[in-house]
N, C-alpha and C. Protein backbone atom coordinates (compact mmCIF):
# COMPACT_ATOMS: atom_id res chain seq x y z
N SER A 1 0.63 -1.22 -0.20
CA SER A 1 0.01 0.14 -0.20
C SER A 1 0.89 1.43 0.30
N VAL A 2 0.20 2.45 -0.86
CA VAL A 2 1.19 3.65 -0.50
C VAL A 2 0.16 4.63 -0.78
N PRO A 3 0.64 5.84 0.10
CA PRO A 3 -0.28 6.73 0.27
C PRO A 3 -1.38 6.91 -0.33
N GLU A 4 -1.67 6.75 -1.66
CA GLU A 4 -2.97 7.09 -2.95
C GLU A 4 -3.07 5.86 -2.66
N GLY A 5 -2.98 5.20 -1.82
CA GLY A 5 -3.80 3.70 -2.26
C GLY A 5 -3.28 2.46 -2.31
N ILE A 6 -3.53 1.33 -3.44
CA ILE A 6 -3.34 0.27 -2.72
C ILE A 6 -2.68 -0.26 -4.57
N ILE A 7 -1.62 -0.90 -4.98
CA ILE A 7 -1.52 -1.01 -6.12
C ILE A 7 -1.38 -2.49 -6.24
N PHE A 8 -1.83 -3.38 -7.38
CA PHE A 8 -1.71 -4.45 -7.95
C PHE A 8 -1.38 -4.43 -9.22
N ARG A 9 -1.29 -6.22 -9.83
CA ARG A 9 -0.75 -6.61 -11.06
C ARG A 9 -1.55 -7.36 -11.45
N SER A 10 -2.73 -7.02 -12.70
CA SER A 10 -3.40 -7.81 -13.28
C SER A 10 -3.14 -8.54 -14.30
N ASP A 11 -4.00 -9.37 -15.39
CA ASP A 11 -3.11 -9.52 -16.74
C ASP A 11 -3.21 -8.63 -17.48
N ARG A 12 -3.68 -7.23 -16.99
CA ARG A 12 -3.91 -6.30 -17.60
C ARG A 12 -2.61 -5.07 -17.70
N GLY A 13 -1.93 -5.38 -16.45
CA GLY A 13 -0.61 -5.01 -16.13
C GLY A 13 -0.95 -3.68 -14.67
N PHE A 14 -0.17 -3.35 -14.17
CA PHE A 14 -0.27 -2.66 -13.15
C PHE A 14 -1.15 -1.66 -12.39
N PHE A 15 -2.33 -1.49 -11.67
CA PHE A 15 -3.22 -0.30 -11.10
C PHE A 15 -2.89 0.03 -9.98
N LEU A 16 -3.73 1.14 -9.51
CA LEU A 16 -3.87 2.00 -8.12
C LEU A 16 -5.64 1.55 -7.94
N ILE A 17 -5.71 1.39 -6.86
CA ILE A 17 -7.38 1.87 -6.26
C ILE A 17 -7.04 2.70 -5.41
N THR A 18 -7.42 3.95 -5.11
CA THR A 18 -7.19 4.70 -4.90
C THR A 18 -8.08 4.72 -3.40
N ARG A 19 -7.69 5.64 -2.37
CA ARG A 19 -8.68 5.70 -1.50
C ARG A 19 -10.15 5.53 -1.31
N GLY A 20 -10.28 6.69 -2.52
CA GLY A 20 -11.57 6.90 -2.84
C GLY A 20 -12.35 5.77 -3.76
N LEU A 21 -11.53 4.86 -3.85
CA LEU A 21 -12.35 3.40 -4.53
C LEU A 21 -12.38 3.98 -6.22
N GLU A 22 -11.65 4.75 -6.65
CA GLU A 22 -10.90 4.80 -8.37
C GLU A 22 -10.08 3.91 -8.76
N LEU A 23 -10.29 3.25 -10.02
CA LEU A 23 -9.16 2.38 -10.49
C LEU A 23 -8.38 3.41 -11.43
N LYS A 24 -6.98 3.38 -11.42
CA LYS A 24 -5.84 4.07 -12.23
C LYS A 24 -5.14 2.95 -12.62
N TYR A 25 -4.75 3.51 -14.20
CA TYR A 25 -3.94 2.36 -14.51
C TYR A 25 -2.69 3.05 -14.51
N LEU A 26 -1.56 2.08 -14.04
CA LEU A 26 -0.29 2.57 -13.95
C LEU A 26 0.58 2.41 -15.03
N GLY A 27 0.63 1.38 -15.71
CA GLY A 27 1.14 1.49 -17.15
C GLY A 27 2.74 1.34 -17.49
N GLY A 28 2.97 1.25 -18.83
CA GLY A 28 4.58 1.71 -18.41
C GLY A 28 5.60 0.59 -18.64
N VAL A 29 5.17 -0.75 -18.37
CA VAL A 29 6.26 -1.77 -18.06
C VAL A 29 5.49 -2.48 -18.90
N GLU A 30 4.72 -2.94 -19.80
CA GLU A 30 4.08 -4.31 -20.29
C GLU A 30 5.30 -5.43 -20.55
N ASP A 31 5.88 -4.41 -21.73
CA ASP A 31 6.92 -5.50 -22.17
C ASP A 31 7.73 -5.97 -21.50
N VAL A 32 8.08 -5.45 -20.17
CA VAL A 32 9.12 -5.77 -19.40
C VAL A 32 8.57 -7.36 -18.26
N ILE A 33 7.44 -6.92 -17.93
CA ILE A 33 6.43 -7.90 -16.71
C ILE A 33 5.89 -8.91 -17.84
N ARG A 34 5.61 -8.52 -18.84
CA ARG A 34 5.17 -9.89 -19.97
C ARG A 34 5.78 -11.03 -19.70
N GLY A 35 5.24 -12.19 -19.56
CA GLY A 35 5.84 -13.47 -19.05
C GLY A 35 6.91 -13.75 -17.57
N THR A 36 6.59 -12.73 -16.65
CA THR A 36 6.91 -13.26 -15.58
C THR A 36 5.80 -13.17 -14.51
N THR A 37 6.87 -13.65 -13.38
CA THR A 37 5.72 -13.65 -11.98
C THR A 37 6.16 -12.73 -10.92
N ILE A 38 5.33 -12.07 -10.50
CA ILE A 38 6.10 -11.46 -8.89
C ILE A 38 6.71 -12.27 -7.57
N VAL A 39 7.51 -11.94 -7.55
CA VAL A 39 8.06 -12.99 -6.07
C VAL A 39 7.99 -12.37 -5.10
N SER A 40 8.15 -11.09 -5.06
CA SER A 40 8.11 -10.11 -3.46
C SER A 40 7.82 -9.08 -4.07
N SER A 41 7.76 -8.13 -2.93
CA SER A 41 7.11 -6.84 -3.67
C SER A 41 7.68 -5.73 -1.81
N THR A 42 7.74 -4.85 -2.35
CA THR A 42 8.42 -3.80 -1.34
C THR A 42 7.90 -2.41 -1.42
N VAL A 43 7.71 -1.89 -0.37
CA VAL A 43 7.40 0.31 -0.24
C VAL A 43 8.61 0.48 0.20
N VAL A 44 9.55 1.51 -0.57
CA VAL A 44 10.84 2.15 0.21
C VAL A 44 10.06 3.91 -0.01
N GLU A 45 9.48 3.58 1.24
CA GLU A 45 8.59 5.26 1.42
C GLU A 45 9.87 6.35 1.27
N LYS A 46 11.01 6.34 1.63
CA LYS A 46 12.38 7.20 1.56
C LYS A 46 12.52 7.74 0.16
N ASP A 47 12.10 6.71 -0.69
CA ASP A 47 12.36 6.76 -2.23
C ASP A 47 11.04 6.74 -3.02
N PHE A 48 9.98 6.72 -2.21
CA PHE A 48 8.76 7.07 -2.39
C PHE A 48 8.58 5.64 -4.04
N SER A 49 8.79 4.51 -3.67
CA SER A 49 9.37 3.66 -4.55
C SER A 49 8.45 2.14 -3.90
N CYS A 50 7.67 1.83 -4.57
CA CYS A 50 7.38 0.21 -5.09
C CYS A 50 8.22 -0.40 -5.66
N ILE A 51 9.15 -1.32 -5.10
CA ILE A 51 9.73 -2.37 -5.84
C ILE A 51 9.16 -3.73 -6.00
N PHE A 52 9.05 -4.42 -7.10
CA PHE A 52 8.76 -5.40 -7.46
C PHE A 52 9.53 -6.66 -7.95
N SER A 53 10.08 -7.68 -7.61
CA SER A 53 10.87 -8.38 -7.90
C SER A 53 10.00 -9.65 -8.75
N LEU A 54 11.11 -9.84 -10.17
CA LEU A 54 10.42 -10.69 -10.94
C LEU A 54 10.86 -12.15 -11.24
N GLN A 55 10.29 -12.86 -11.39
CA GLN A 55 11.29 -13.99 -12.63
C GLN A 55 10.41 -14.29 -13.21
N VAL A 56 11.81 -14.62 -14.51
CA VAL A 56 11.22 -14.57 -15.44
C VAL A 56 10.79 -15.88 -16.13
N ASP A 57 9.36 -16.13 -16.51
CA ASP A 57 9.27 -17.28 -16.95
C ASP A 57 9.08 -17.63 -18.30
N THR A 58 9.01 -16.55 -19.19
CA THR A 58 8.94 -16.08 -20.76
C THR A 58 9.50 -15.49 -21.21
N VAL A 59 10.31 -15.89 -22.19
CA VAL A 59 10.91 -14.73 -22.36
C VAL A 59 10.36 -14.02 -24.25
N TYR A 60 10.40 -12.67 -24.17
CA TYR A 60 9.31 -12.23 -25.12
C TYR A 60 10.46 -11.44 -26.42
N SER A 61 10.35 -11.31 -27.26
CA SER A 61 11.24 -10.60 -28.50
C SER A 61 10.88 -9.25 -28.52
N ARG A 62 11.14 -7.63 -28.84
CA ARG A 62 10.73 -6.96 -28.64
C ARG A 62 9.19 -6.74 -29.60
N ASP A 63 9.22 -7.35 -30.47
CA ASP A 63 8.00 -7.38 -30.85
C ASP A 63 6.61 -8.66 -30.71
N GLY A 64 7.14 -8.88 -29.47
CA GLY A 64 5.99 -9.75 -29.11
C GLY A 64 5.71 -11.15 -28.93
N GLU A 65 6.59 -11.75 -30.19
CA GLU A 65 6.14 -13.26 -30.33
C GLU A 65 7.04 -14.02 -28.87
N ASN A 66 6.62 -15.13 -28.55
CA ASN A 66 7.49 -15.69 -27.48
C ASN A 66 8.41 -16.50 -28.34
N TYR A 67 9.60 -16.30 -27.82
CA TYR A 67 10.78 -17.45 -28.10
C TYR A 67 11.36 -18.37 -27.71
N SER A 68 11.28 -17.86 -26.34
CA SER A 68 11.81 -19.30 -25.15
C SER A 68 10.89 -19.19 -23.92
N THR A 69 10.35 -20.60 -23.77
CA THR A 69 9.95 -20.79 -22.43
C THR A 69 10.58 -21.74 -21.59
N VAL A 70 10.88 -20.88 -20.71
CA VAL A 70 11.80 -21.92 -19.26
C VAL A 70 11.18 -22.26 -18.13
N THR A 71 11.75 -22.90 -17.83
CA THR A 71 11.62 -23.42 -16.04
C THR A 71 12.71 -23.57 -15.43
N GLY A 72 13.15 -23.30 -14.10
CA GLY A 72 14.11 -22.94 -13.02
C GLY A 72 14.49 -21.70 -13.35
N ARG A 73 15.71 -21.74 -13.32
CA ARG A 73 16.67 -20.48 -13.58
C ARG A 73 16.45 -20.12 -14.64
N PRO A 74 16.43 -18.65 -15.78
CA PRO A 74 15.97 -18.38 -17.05
C PRO A 74 17.53 -18.28 -17.60
N PRO A 75 17.45 -18.44 -18.80
CA PRO A 75 18.78 -17.75 -20.09
C PRO A 75 18.29 -16.21 -19.46
N VAL A 76 19.23 -15.44 -19.52
CA VAL A 76 19.68 -14.10 -19.62
C VAL A 76 18.48 -13.30 -20.88
N PRO A 77 17.25 -13.00 -20.85
CA PRO A 77 16.18 -12.36 -21.68
C PRO A 77 17.23 -10.92 -22.04
N SER A 78 16.49 -10.07 -22.73
CA SER A 78 16.53 -8.44 -23.23
C SER A 78 15.52 -8.16 -23.29
N TYR A 79 15.57 -6.74 -22.70
CA TYR A 79 14.61 -6.20 -23.11
C TYR A 79 15.04 -4.84 -23.66
N GLY A 80 14.65 -5.05 -24.84
CA GLY A 80 15.45 -3.65 -25.80
C GLY A 80 16.88 -3.63 -25.49
N ASN A 81 17.54 -2.97 -24.90
CA ASN A 81 19.03 -3.01 -24.63
C ASN A 81 20.38 -3.73 -23.39
N VAL A 82 18.57 -3.32 -23.18
CA VAL A 82 18.93 -4.18 -21.20
C VAL A 82 18.75 -5.34 -21.12
N ALA A 83 20.16 -6.34 -20.86
CA ALA A 83 19.63 -7.64 -20.54
C ALA A 83 19.56 -8.06 -18.75
N ALA A 84 18.71 -8.60 -18.72
CA ALA A 84 17.92 -8.45 -17.24
C ALA A 84 17.80 -9.97 -16.89
N GLN A 85 18.08 -10.91 -15.76
CA GLN A 85 18.25 -11.94 -15.29
C GLN A 85 17.28 -11.96 -14.17
N ASN A 86 15.98 -12.13 -13.67
CA ASN A 86 15.18 -12.08 -12.47
C ASN A 86 15.58 -10.29 -12.20
N PRO A 87 14.63 -9.71 -13.12
CA PRO A 87 14.81 -8.01 -12.84
C PRO A 87 13.76 -7.77 -11.83
N ALA A 88 13.80 -6.67 -11.85
CA ALA A 88 13.08 -5.95 -11.11
C ALA A 88 11.95 -4.39 -11.41
N VAL A 89 10.86 -4.31 -11.60
CA VAL A 89 10.57 -3.17 -11.89
C VAL A 89 10.00 -2.28 -10.53
N VAL A 90 10.63 -0.56 -10.94
CA VAL A 90 10.21 0.10 -9.53
C VAL A 90 8.96 1.14 -10.13
N TYR A 91 8.31 1.49 -9.03
CA TYR A 91 7.07 2.54 -9.47
C TYR A 91 7.47 3.24 -8.51
N ASN A 92 7.77 4.60 -9.16
CA ASN A 92 7.65 5.93 -8.20
C ASN A 92 6.51 6.62 -8.25
N TYR A 93 5.60 6.47 -7.39
CA TYR A 93 4.93 6.97 -7.00
C TYR A 93 4.21 8.24 -6.63
N LYS A 94 5.44 8.87 -6.71
CA LYS A 94 5.53 10.59 -6.36
C LYS A 94 5.34 11.09 -7.81
N THR A 95 6.08 10.48 -8.42
CA THR A 95 6.21 11.34 -9.95
C THR A 95 5.91 10.25 -10.90
N GLY A 96 5.35 8.76 -10.74
CA GLY A 96 4.85 8.56 -11.59
C GLY A 96 5.40 7.59 -12.59
N ASP A 97 7.04 7.48 -12.06
CA ASP A 97 7.81 6.88 -13.09
C ASP A 97 7.88 5.58 -12.83
N TRP A 98 8.25 4.78 -14.09
CA TRP A 98 8.78 3.49 -13.93
C TRP A 98 10.41 3.52 -14.34
N SER A 99 11.04 2.21 -13.27
CA SER A 99 12.56 2.17 -13.51
C SER A 99 12.54 0.64 -13.67
N VAL A 100 13.68 -0.02 -14.36
CA VAL A 100 13.73 -1.67 -14.67
C VAL A 100 15.12 -1.88 -13.68
N PHE A 101 15.16 -2.43 -12.61
CA PHE A 101 16.44 -3.10 -12.04
C PHE A 101 16.84 -4.45 -12.95
N THR A 102 18.23 -4.41 -13.19
CA THR A 102 18.36 -5.72 -13.74
C THR A 102 19.40 -6.59 -12.51
N ASN A 103 19.54 -7.94 -12.99
CA ASN A 103 20.08 -8.81 -11.80
C ASN A 103 19.78 -8.87 -10.47
N PHE A 104 18.39 -8.08 -10.19
CA PHE A 104 18.06 -8.25 -9.18
C PHE A 104 17.98 -9.15 -8.30
N ASP A 105 17.41 -9.86 -8.75
CA ASP A 105 17.52 -11.65 -7.92
C ASP A 105 17.24 -11.83 -6.45
N PHE A 106 15.98 -10.98 -5.86
CA PHE A 106 15.72 -10.77 -4.50
C PHE A 106 14.05 -11.74 -4.61
N VAL A 107 14.15 -13.21 -3.76
CA VAL A 107 13.14 -14.02 -3.81
C VAL A 107 12.23 -13.32 -2.83
N ALA A 108 12.75 -12.81 -1.89
CA ALA A 108 12.14 -11.57 -0.48
C ALA A 108 12.54 -10.73 -0.12
N MET A 109 12.03 -9.53 0.38
CA MET A 109 12.35 -8.16 0.55
C MET A 109 11.43 -7.66 1.59
N GLU A 110 12.72 -6.65 2.37
CA GLU A 110 11.98 -5.57 3.18
C GLU A 110 12.57 -4.31 3.37
N ASP A 111 12.03 -3.37 3.25
CA ASP A 111 12.58 -2.03 4.04
C ASP A 111 12.89 -1.92 5.22
N ILE A 112 13.99 -2.44 5.59
CA ILE A 112 14.64 -2.38 7.20
C ILE A 112 15.25 -0.86 7.60
N GLY A 113 15.01 -0.43 8.32
CA GLY A 113 15.87 0.70 8.78
C GLY A 113 16.50 1.55 7.47
N SER A 114 15.73 1.84 6.34
CA SER A 114 16.41 2.52 5.53
C SER A 114 17.13 1.68 4.30
N ALA A 115 17.33 0.74 4.86
CA ALA A 115 17.78 0.12 4.01
C ALA A 115 16.98 -0.91 3.32
N LEU A 116 17.26 -1.33 1.90
CA LEU A 116 16.78 -2.63 1.37
C LEU A 116 17.69 -3.88 1.66
N THR A 117 16.58 -4.50 2.30
CA THR A 117 17.26 -5.87 2.41
C THR A 117 16.85 -6.94 1.62
N GLY A 118 17.24 -8.19 1.77
CA GLY A 118 16.47 -9.28 0.52
C GLY A 118 17.06 -10.55 0.68
N VAL A 119 16.34 -11.86 0.66
CA VAL A 119 16.75 -12.79 0.28
C VAL A 119 17.15 -13.42 -0.98
N ARG A 120 18.50 -13.96 -1.16
CA ARG A 120 18.63 -13.82 -2.56
C ARG A 120 18.12 -15.41 -3.15
N SER A 121 18.07 -15.95 -4.46
CA SER A 121 17.59 -17.31 -4.60
C SER A 121 18.67 -18.52 -4.25
N ASP A 122 19.92 -18.12 -3.88
CA ASP A 122 20.61 -18.82 -3.61
C ASP A 122 20.57 -18.68 -1.80
N TRP A 123 19.59 -17.71 -1.36
CA TRP A 123 19.44 -18.15 0.29
C TRP A 123 20.57 -17.37 0.93
N THR A 124 21.21 -16.56 -0.17
CA THR A 124 21.98 -15.57 0.91
C THR A 124 21.39 -14.07 1.12
N LEU A 125 21.82 -13.07 2.05
CA LEU A 125 21.18 -12.14 2.16
C LEU A 125 21.96 -11.07 1.70
N MET A 126 21.51 -9.94 1.47
CA MET A 126 21.82 -8.81 0.97
C MET A 126 21.13 -7.40 0.97
N GLN A 127 22.12 -6.61 1.84
CA GLN A 127 21.28 -5.08 1.65
C GLN A 127 22.28 -4.17 1.27
N GLN A 128 20.92 -3.29 0.51
CA GLN A 128 21.64 -2.08 -0.51
C GLN A 128 21.10 -0.97 0.19
């Protein structure tokens, strides 16, 4: 949840349900999130951001054609010129902008004491 309401993902992308119960489309990252599963998310209040850690299930080319369905640890997919392995998408709820983190690889994360702390897929802890 963010100050404006609750963010969720549907098969059509990310949406915000406002405190006034209005539905607002957040858009902007469909080419990145398609073929992924959200494995963790957290709000980092000091950065006004929501981070959604993704596991790549299916890799798509830029023209939308499915060229590789993978199981387990995926190959390195490409989003334009950005290589990513288990990326994260970050929504800044103050500006409305999206960013993509590559090689994020957190299966669980939390903002602890103004430091993003996460468990990686190899079960090691990492703090940023």
